[in-house]
């Protein structure tokens, strides 16, 4: 299946042990704000590039 949404129901299982995550060149369309907040407690680095379908990026994420 294609990666289109990241929510608490669709998180990759390896994320809990990762310090860095890059999401590039996917069909990602939406990142849930609560999911992003949870990541901020786990990850030291999050890189999101070249995801032209990404339309919903919660305002809580952009500061």
C-alpha atoms as a PDB file:
ATOM      1  CA  UNK A   1       0.000   0.000   0.000  1.00  0.00           C
ATOM      2  CA  UNK A   2       1.104   3.548  -0.682  1.00  0.00           C
ATOM      3  CA  UNK A   3       2.012   5.871   2.136  1.00  0.00           C
ATOM      4  CA  UNK A   4      -0.568   8.664   2.006  1.00  0.00           C
ATOM      5  CA  UNK A   5      -1.321   9.474   5.657  1.00  0.00           C
ATOM      6  CA  UNK A   6       0.623   9.377   8.888  1.00  0.00           C
ATOM      7  CA  UNK A   7      -1.604   9.014  11.926  1.00  0.00           C
ATOM      8  CA  UNK A   8      -1.399   7.113  15.198  1.00  0.00           C
ATOM      9  CA  UNK A   9      -2.935   4.171  13.295  1.00  0.00           C
ATOM     10  CA  UNK A  10      -0.383   4.147  10.475  1.00  0.00           C
ATOM     11  CA  UNK A  11       2.969   4.804  12.124  1.00  0.00           C
ATOM     12  CA  UNK A  12       5.893   2.636  11.028  1.00  0.00           C
ATOM     13  CA  UNK A  13       6.777   0.128  13.761  1.00  0.00           C
ATOM     14  CA  UNK A  14      10.481   1.043  13.621  1.00  0.00           C
ATOM     15  CA  UNK A  15       9.745   4.643  14.606  1.00  0.00           C
ATOM     16  CA  UNK A  16       9.836   3.958  18.339  1.00  0.00           C
ATOM     17  CA  UNK A  17      13.535   3.077  18.112  1.00  0.00           C
ATOM     18  CA  UNK A  18      14.592   5.746  15.604  1.00  0.00           C
ATOM     19  CA  UNK A  19      16.259   9.075  16.337  1.00  0.00           C
ATOM     20  CA  UNK A  20      16.069  10.391  12.776  1.00  0.00           C
ATOM     21  CA  UNK A  21      13.445  10.039  10.061  1.00  0.00           C
ATOM     22  CA  UNK A  22      13.418  11.266   6.481  1.00  0.00           C
ATOM     23  CA  UNK A  23      10.236  11.230   4.414  1.00  0.00           C
ATOM     24  CA  UNK A  24      11.120  11.908   0.790  1.00  0.00           C
ATOM     25  CA  UNK A  25       9.478  11.279  -2.565  1.00  0.00           C
ATOM     26  CA  UNK A  26       6.312   9.648  -1.227  1.00  0.00           C
ATOM     27  CA  UNK A  27       2.598   9.984  -1.932  1.00  0.00           C
ATOM     28  CA  UNK A  28       2.144  11.415   1.548  1.00  0.00           C
ATOM     29  CA  UNK A  29      -0.853  13.757   1.669  1.00  0.00           C
ATOM     30  CA  UNK A  30      -1.459  14.343   5.376  1.00  0.00           C
ATOM     31  CA  UNK A  31       0.353  14.310   8.708  1.00  0.00           C
ATOM     32  CA  UNK A  32      -1.880  14.264  11.770  1.00  0.00           C
ATOM     33  CA  UNK A  33      -0.942  17.007  14.292  1.00  0.00           C
ATOM     34  CA  UNK A  34      -1.035  14.610  17.263  1.00  0.00           C
ATOM     35  CA  UNK A  35       1.226  12.219  15.393  1.00  0.00           C
ATOM     36  CA  UNK A  36       3.707  15.003  14.745  1.00  0.00           C
ATOM     37  CA  UNK A  37       3.674  16.022  18.409  1.00  0.00           C
ATOM     38  CA  UNK A  38       4.380  12.430  19.438  1.00  0.00           C
ATOM     39  CA  UNK A  39       7.292  12.304  16.995  1.00  0.00           C
ATOM     40  CA  UNK A  40       8.780  15.432  18.541  1.00  0.00           C
ATOM     41  CA  UNK A  41       9.170  13.500  21.788  1.00  0.00           C
ATOM     42  CA  UNK A  42      10.968  10.618  20.056  1.00  0.00           C
ATOM     43  CA  UNK A  43      12.927  12.023  17.132  1.00  0.00           C
ATOM     44  CA  UNK A  44      15.942  14.293  17.195  1.00  0.00           C
ATOM     45  CA  UNK A  45      15.593  14.976  13.472  1.00  0.00           C
ATOM     46  CA  UNK A  46      12.678  14.879  11.018  1.00  0.00           C
ATOM     47  CA  UNK A  47      13.264  15.709   7.356  1.00  0.00           C
ATOM     48  CA  UNK A  48      10.341  16.044   4.953  1.00  0.00           C
ATOM     49  CA  UNK A  49      11.298  16.762   1.336  1.00  0.00           C
ATOM     50  CA  UNK A  50       9.938  16.294  -2.183  1.00  0.00           C
ATOM     51  CA  UNK A  51       6.452  15.195  -1.173  1.00  0.00           C
ATOM     52  CA  UNK A  52       4.463  17.141  -3.733  1.00  0.00           C
ATOM     53  CA  UNK A  53       1.132  15.622  -2.634  1.00  0.00           C
ATOM     54  CA  UNK A  54       1.527  16.828   0.948  1.00  0.00           C
ATOM     55  CA  UNK A  55      -1.340  19.287   1.319  1.00  0.00           C
ATOM     56  CA  UNK A  56      -2.394  19.056   4.949  1.00  0.00           C
ATOM     57  CA  UNK A  57       0.358  20.205   7.258  1.00  0.00           C
ATOM     58  CA  UNK A  58      -1.207  21.225  10.580  1.00  0.00           C
ATOM     59  CA  UNK A  59      -0.529  24.824  11.639  1.00  0.00           C
ATOM     60  CA  UNK A  60       0.550  23.548  15.059  1.00  0.00           C
ATOM     61  CA  UNK A  61       3.614  22.062  13.337  1.00  0.00           C
ATOM     62  CA  UNK A  62       4.733  25.326  11.737  1.00  0.00           C
ATOM     63  CA  UNK A  63       6.134  27.701  14.341  1.00  0.00           C
END
